[in-house]
PDB file of N, CA and C in Angstrom:
ATOM      1  N   UNK A   1       8.647  -2.548 -38.693  1.00  0.00           N
ATOM      2  CA  UNK A   1       7.379  -1.907 -38.389  1.00  0.00           C
ATOM      3  C   UNK A   1       7.633  -0.426 -38.108  1.00  0.00           C
ATOM      4  N   UNK A   2       6.859   0.431 -38.757  1.00  0.00           N
ATOM      5  CA  UNK A   2       7.023   1.866 -38.567  1.00  0.00           C
ATOM      6  C   UNK A   2       6.338   2.313 -37.282  1.00  0.00           C
ATOM      7  N   UNK A   3       6.508   3.555 -36.963  1.00  0.00           N
ATOM      8  CA  UNK A   3       6.003   4.094 -35.697  1.00  0.00           C
ATOM      9  C   UNK A   3       4.471   4.104 -35.631  1.00  0.00           C
ATOM     10  N   UNK A   4       3.772   4.354 -36.719  1.00  0.00           N
ATOM     11  CA  UNK A   4       2.319   4.462 -36.718  1.00  0.00           C
ATOM     12  C   UNK A   4       1.593   3.180 -37.130  1.00  0.00           C
ATOM     13  N   UNK A   5       2.325   2.111 -37.419  1.00  0.00           N
ATOM     14  CA  UNK A   5       1.699   0.860 -37.847  1.00  0.00           C
ATOM     15  C   UNK A   5       1.092   0.135 -36.651  1.00  0.00           C
ATOM     16  N   UNK A   6      -0.064  -0.476 -36.894  1.00  0.00           N
ATOM     17  CA  UNK A   6      -0.694  -1.299 -35.868  1.00  0.00           C
ATOM     18  C   UNK A   6      -0.154  -2.716 -35.953  1.00  0.00           C
ATOM     19  N   UNK A   7      -0.087  -3.414 -34.830  1.00  0.00           N
ATOM     20  CA  UNK A   7       0.389  -4.801 -34.907  1.00  0.00           C
ATOM     21  C   UNK A   7      -0.623  -5.673 -35.644  1.00  0.00           C
ATOM     22  N   UNK A   8      -0.150  -6.718 -36.251  1.00  0.00           N
ATOM     23  CA  UNK A   8      -1.004  -7.637 -36.990  1.00  0.00           C
ATOM     24  C   UNK A   8      -1.901  -8.379 -36.018  1.00  0.00           C
ATOM     25  N   UNK A   9      -3.186  -8.492 -36.386  1.00  0.00           N
ATOM     26  CA  UNK A   9      -4.142  -9.184 -35.534  1.00  0.00           C
ATOM     27  C   UNK A   9      -4.153 -10.664 -35.898  1.00  0.00           C
ATOM     28  N   UNK A  10      -3.496 -11.438 -35.074  1.00  0.00           N
ATOM     29  CA  UNK A  10      -3.467 -12.886 -35.281  1.00  0.00           C
ATOM     30  C   UNK A  10      -4.563 -13.525 -34.438  1.00  0.00           C
ATOM     31  N   UNK A  11      -4.797 -14.812 -34.675  1.00  0.00           N
ATOM     32  CA  UNK A  11      -5.829 -15.529 -33.932  1.00  0.00           C
ATOM     33  C   UNK A  11      -5.524 -15.519 -32.430  1.00  0.00           C
ATOM     34  N   UNK A  12      -4.282 -15.753 -32.054  1.00  0.00           N
ATOM     35  CA  UNK A  12      -3.935 -15.793 -30.630  1.00  0.00           C
ATOM     36  C   UNK A  12      -4.033 -14.402 -30.001  1.00  0.00           C
ATOM     37  N   UNK A  13      -3.642 -13.367 -30.747  1.00  0.00           N
ATOM     38  CA  UNK A  13      -3.743 -12.003 -30.217  1.00  0.00           C
ATOM     39  C   UNK A  13      -5.210 -11.593 -30.066  1.00  0.00           C
ATOM     40  N   UNK A  14      -6.049 -11.961 -31.032  1.00  0.00           N
ATOM     41  CA  UNK A  14      -7.475 -11.650 -30.948  1.00  0.00           C
ATOM     42  C   UNK A  14      -8.107 -12.363 -29.761  1.00  0.00           C
ATOM     43  N   UNK A  15      -7.732 -13.621 -29.549  1.00  0.00           N
ATOM     44  CA  UNK A  15      -8.272 -14.374 -28.413  1.00  0.00           C
ATOM     45  C   UNK A  15      -7.864 -13.728 -27.099  1.00  0.00           C
ATOM     46  N   UNK A  16      -6.645 -13.256 -27.021  1.00  0.00           N
ATOM     47  CA  UNK A  16      -6.176 -12.606 -25.799  1.00  0.00           C
ATOM     48  C   UNK A  16      -6.908 -11.281 -25.571  1.00  0.00           C
ATOM     49  N   UNK A  17      -7.164 -10.549 -26.644  1.00  0.00           N
ATOM     50  CA  UNK A  17      -7.836  -9.252 -26.502  1.00  0.00           C
ATOM     51  C   UNK A  17      -9.310  -9.397 -26.142  1.00  0.00           C
ATOM     52  N   UNK A  18     -10.002 -10.348 -26.773  1.00  0.00           N
ATOM     53  CA  UNK A  18     -11.441 -10.456 -26.598  1.00  0.00           C
ATOM     54  C   UNK A  18     -11.850 -11.262 -25.379  1.00  0.00           C
ATOM     55  N   UNK A  19     -10.940 -11.988 -24.766  1.00  0.00           N
ATOM     56  CA  UNK A  19     -11.277 -12.724 -23.544  1.00  0.00           C
ATOM     57  C   UNK A  19     -10.877 -11.963 -22.293  1.00  0.00           C
ATOM     58  N   UNK A  20     -10.183 -10.861 -22.456  1.00  0.00           N
ATOM     59  CA  UNK A  20      -9.776 -10.044 -21.312  1.00  0.00           C
ATOM     60  C   UNK A  20     -10.967  -9.240 -20.804  1.00  0.00           C
ATOM     61  N   UNK A  21     -11.338  -9.432 -19.548  1.00  0.00           N
ATOM     62  CA  UNK A  21     -12.487  -8.733 -18.974  1.00  0.00           C
ATOM     63  C   UNK A  21     -12.065  -7.677 -17.956  1.00  0.00           C
ATOM     64  N   UNK A  22     -10.873  -7.170 -18.099  1.00  0.00           N
ATOM     65  CA  UNK A  22     -10.392  -6.140 -17.200  1.00  0.00           C
ATOM     66  C   UNK A  22     -11.271  -4.902 -17.308  1.00  0.00           C
ATOM     67  N   UNK A  23     -11.786  -4.432 -16.203  1.00  0.00           N
ATOM     68  CA  UNK A  23     -12.620  -3.240 -16.190  1.00  0.00           C
ATOM     69  C   UNK A  23     -14.093  -3.516 -16.412  1.00  0.00           C
ATOM     70  N   UNK A  24     -14.487  -4.769 -16.598  1.00  0.00           N
ATOM     71  CA  UNK A  24     -15.891  -5.080 -16.858  1.00  0.00           C
ATOM     72  C   UNK A  24     -16.764  -4.747 -15.658  1.00  0.00           C
ATOM     73  N   UNK A  25     -16.293  -5.061 -14.460  1.00  0.00           N
ATOM     74  CA  UNK A  25     -17.080  -4.773 -13.256  1.00  0.00           C
ATOM     75  C   UNK A  25     -17.224  -3.264 -13.067  1.00  0.00           C
ATOM     76  N   UNK A  26     -16.181  -2.514 -13.348  1.00  0.00           N
ATOM     77  CA  UNK A  26     -16.240  -1.064 -13.217  1.00  0.00           C
ATOM     78  C   UNK A  26     -17.260  -0.478 -14.182  1.00  0.00           C
ATOM     79  N   UNK A  27     -17.293  -0.979 -15.394  1.00  0.00           N
ATOM     80  CA  UNK A  27     -18.263  -0.498 -16.383  1.00  0.00           C
ATOM     81  C   UNK A  27     -19.680  -0.834 -15.953  1.00  0.00           C
ATOM     82  N   UNK A  28     -19.876  -2.019 -15.386  1.00  0.00           N
ATOM     83  CA  UNK A  28     -21.214  -2.402 -14.913  1.00  0.00           C
ATOM     84  C   UNK A  28     -21.669  -1.491 -13.778  1.00  0.00           C
ATOM     85  N   UNK A  29     -20.773  -1.181 -12.855  1.00  0.00           N
ATOM     86  CA  UNK A  29     -21.117  -0.256 -11.769  1.00  0.00           C
ATOM     87  C   UNK A  29     -21.448   1.125 -12.316  1.00  0.00           C
ATOM     88  N   UNK A  30     -20.705   1.584 -13.306  1.00  0.00           N
ATOM     89  CA  UNK A  30     -20.950   2.907 -13.879  1.00  0.00           C
ATOM     90  C   UNK A  30     -22.317   2.957 -14.561  1.00  0.00           C
ATOM     91  N   UNK A  31     -22.669   1.926 -15.304  1.00  0.00           N
ATOM     92  CA  UNK A  31     -23.966   1.892 -15.987  1.00  0.00           C
ATOM     93  C   UNK A  31     -25.099   1.836 -14.969  1.00  0.00           C
ATOM     94  N   UNK A  32     -24.925   1.027 -13.915  1.00  0.00           N
ATOM     95  CA  UNK A  32     -25.946   0.930 -12.867  1.00  0.00           C
ATOM     96  C   UNK A  32     -26.116   2.257 -12.149  1.00  0.00           C
ATOM     97  N   UNK A  33     -25.024   2.931 -11.866  1.00  0.00           N
ATOM     98  CA  UNK A  33     -25.097   4.234 -11.195  1.00  0.00           C
ATOM     99  C   UNK A  33     -25.795   5.256 -12.081  1.00  0.00           C
ATOM    100  N   UNK A  34     -25.498   5.262 -13.364  1.00  0.00           N
ATOM    101  CA  UNK A  34     -26.157   6.200 -14.280  1.00  0.00           C
ATOM    102  C   UNK A  34     -27.652   5.917 -14.365  1.00  0.00           C
ATOM    103  N   UNK A  35     -28.030   4.649 -14.361  1.00  0.00           N
ATOM    104  CA  UNK A  35     -29.455   4.300 -14.400  1.00  0.00           C
ATOM    105  C   UNK A  35     -30.155   4.742 -13.120  1.00  0.00           C
ATOM    106  N   UNK A  36     -29.494   4.578 -11.983  1.00  0.00           N
ATOM    107  CA  UNK A  36     -30.082   4.999 -10.708  1.00  0.00           C
ATOM    108  C   UNK A  36     -30.258   6.517 -10.651  1.00  0.00           C
ATOM    109  N   UNK A  37     -29.294   7.248 -11.158  1.00  0.00           N
ATOM    110  CA  UNK A  37     -29.385   8.712 -11.175  1.00  0.00           C
ATOM    111  C   UNK A  37     -30.507   9.162 -12.113  1.00  0.00           C
ATOM    112  N   UNK A  38     -30.632   8.508 -13.254  1.00  0.00           N
ATOM    113  CA  UNK A  38     -31.716   8.849 -14.186  1.00  0.00           C
ATOM    114  C   UNK A  38     -33.077   8.562 -13.554  1.00  0.00           C
ATOM    115  N   UNK A  39     -33.209   7.444 -12.868  1.00  0.00           N
ATOM    116  CA  UNK A  39     -34.461   7.104 -12.199  1.00  0.00           C
ATOM    117  C   UNK A  39     -34.777   8.105 -11.096  1.00  0.00           C
ATOM    118  N   UNK A  40     -33.778   8.502 -10.329  1.00  0.00           N
ATOM    119  CA  UNK A  40     -33.988   9.497  -9.274  1.00  0.00           C
ATOM    120  C   UNK A  40     -34.414  10.837  -9.885  1.00  0.00           C
ATOM    121  N   UNK A  41     -33.812  11.213 -10.996  1.00  0.00           N
ATOM    122  CA  UNK A  41     -34.205  12.454 -11.663  1.00  0.00           C
ATOM    123  C   UNK A  41     -35.637  12.396 -12.161  1.00  0.00           C
ATOM    124  N   UNK A  42     -36.038  11.248 -12.677  1.00  0.00           N
ATOM    125  CA  UNK A  42     -37.419  11.072 -13.119  1.00  0.00           C
ATOM    126  C   UNK A  42     -38.385  11.198 -11.936  1.00  0.00           C
ATOM    127  N   UNK A  43     -38.028  10.612 -10.801  1.00  0.00           N
ATOM    128  CA  UNK A  43     -38.874  10.726  -9.608  1.00  0.00           C
ATOM    129  C   UNK A  43     -38.992  12.176  -9.137  1.00  0.00           C
ATOM    130  N   UNK A  44     -37.909  12.919  -9.210  1.00  0.00           N
ATOM    131  CA  UNK A  44     -37.944  14.334  -8.813  1.00  0.00           C
ATOM    132  C   UNK A  44     -38.885  15.105  -9.733  1.00  0.00           C
ATOM    133  N   UNK A  45     -38.805  14.862 -11.012  1.00  0.00           N
ATOM    134  CA  UNK A  45     -39.680  15.553 -11.975  1.00  0.00           C
ATOM    135  C   UNK A  45     -41.142  15.214 -11.688  1.00  0.00           C
ATOM    136  N   UNK A  46     -41.427  13.944 -11.451  1.00  0.00           N
ATOM    137  CA  UNK A  46     -42.802  13.534 -11.164  1.00  0.00           C
ATOM    138  C   UNK A  46     -43.305  14.153  -9.868  1.00  0.00           C
ATOM    139  N   UNK A  47     -42.480  14.123  -8.837  1.00  0.00           N
ATOM    140  CA  UNK A  47     -42.909  14.657  -7.545  1.00  0.00           C
ATOM    141  C   UNK A  47     -43.132  16.168  -7.603  1.00  0.00           C
ATOM    142  N   UNK A  48     -42.341  16.874  -8.384  1.00  0.00           N
ATOM    143  CA  UNK A  48     -42.542  18.325  -8.506  1.00  0.00           C
ATOM    144  C   UNK A  48     -43.776  18.653  -9.334  1.00  0.00           C
ATOM    145  N   UNK A  49     -44.161  17.768 -10.235  1.00  0.00           N
ATOM    146  CA  UNK A  49     -45.310  18.024 -11.095  1.00  0.00           C
ATOM    147  C   UNK A  49     -46.630  17.737 -10.381  1.00  0.00           C
ATOM    148  N   UNK A  50     -46.613  16.834  -9.407  1.00  0.00           N
ATOM    149  CA  UNK A  50     -47.841  16.494  -8.697  1.00  0.00           C
ATOM    150  C   UNK A  50     -48.227  17.605  -7.735  1.00  0.00           C
ATOM    151  N   UNK A  51     -49.511  17.926  -7.650  1.00  0.00           N
ATOM    152  CA  UNK A  51     -49.916  18.948  -6.678  1.00  0.00           C
ATOM    153  C   UNK A  51     -49.755  18.408  -5.256  1.00  0.00           C
ATOM    154  N   UNK A  52     -49.276  19.260  -4.391  1.00  0.00           N
ATOM    155  CA  UNK A  52     -49.105  18.838  -2.998  1.00  0.00           C
ATOM    156  C   UNK A  52     -50.334  19.240  -2.203  1.00  0.00           C
ATOM    157  N   UNK A  53     -50.762  18.367  -1.335  1.00  0.00           N
ATOM    158  CA  UNK A  53     -51.931  18.641  -0.505  1.00  0.00           C
ATOM    159  C   UNK A  53     -51.476  18.916   0.911  1.00  0.00           C
ATOM    160  N   UNK A  54     -52.165  19.802   1.567  1.00  0.00           N
ATOM    161  CA  UNK A  54     -51.853  20.075   2.965  1.00  0.00           C
ATOM    162  C   UNK A  54     -52.473  18.987   3.819  1.00  0.00           C
ATOM    163  N   UNK A  55     -51.791  18.587   4.868  1.00  0.00           N
ATOM    164  CA  UNK A  55     -52.383  17.610   5.771  1.00  0.00           C
ATOM    165  C   UNK A  55     -53.634  18.180   6.442  1.00  0.00           C
ATOM    166  N   UNK A  56     -54.588  17.356   6.768  1.00  0.00           N
ATOM    167  CA  UNK A  56     -55.842  17.806   7.351  1.00  0.00           C
ATOM    168  C   UNK A  56     -55.643  18.433   8.727  1.00  0.00           C
ATOM    169  N   UNK A  57     -54.584  18.060   9.419  1.00  0.00           N
ATOM    170  CA  UNK A  57     -54.414  18.546  10.785  1.00  0.00           C
ATOM    171  C   UNK A  57     -53.743  19.915  10.872  1.00  0.00           C
ATOM    172  N   UNK A  58     -53.340  20.507   9.732  1.00  0.00           N
ATOM    173  CA  UNK A  58     -52.685  21.806   9.832  1.00  0.00           C
ATOM    174  C   UNK A  58     -53.635  22.939   9.499  1.00  0.00           C
TER     175      UNK A  58
END
């Protein structure tokens, strides 16, 4: 096997690669965090666009 050749994908190697869930929880946390940040940004845009009213007591 030369230096740049990829190893042959056998059935057992494919099973080992595709059943490995290492890092899955980290990816889920990252996606959830990105969704939360996007939602917070949307709320900021909406709140800045709405006219603010002064309270009656001031």
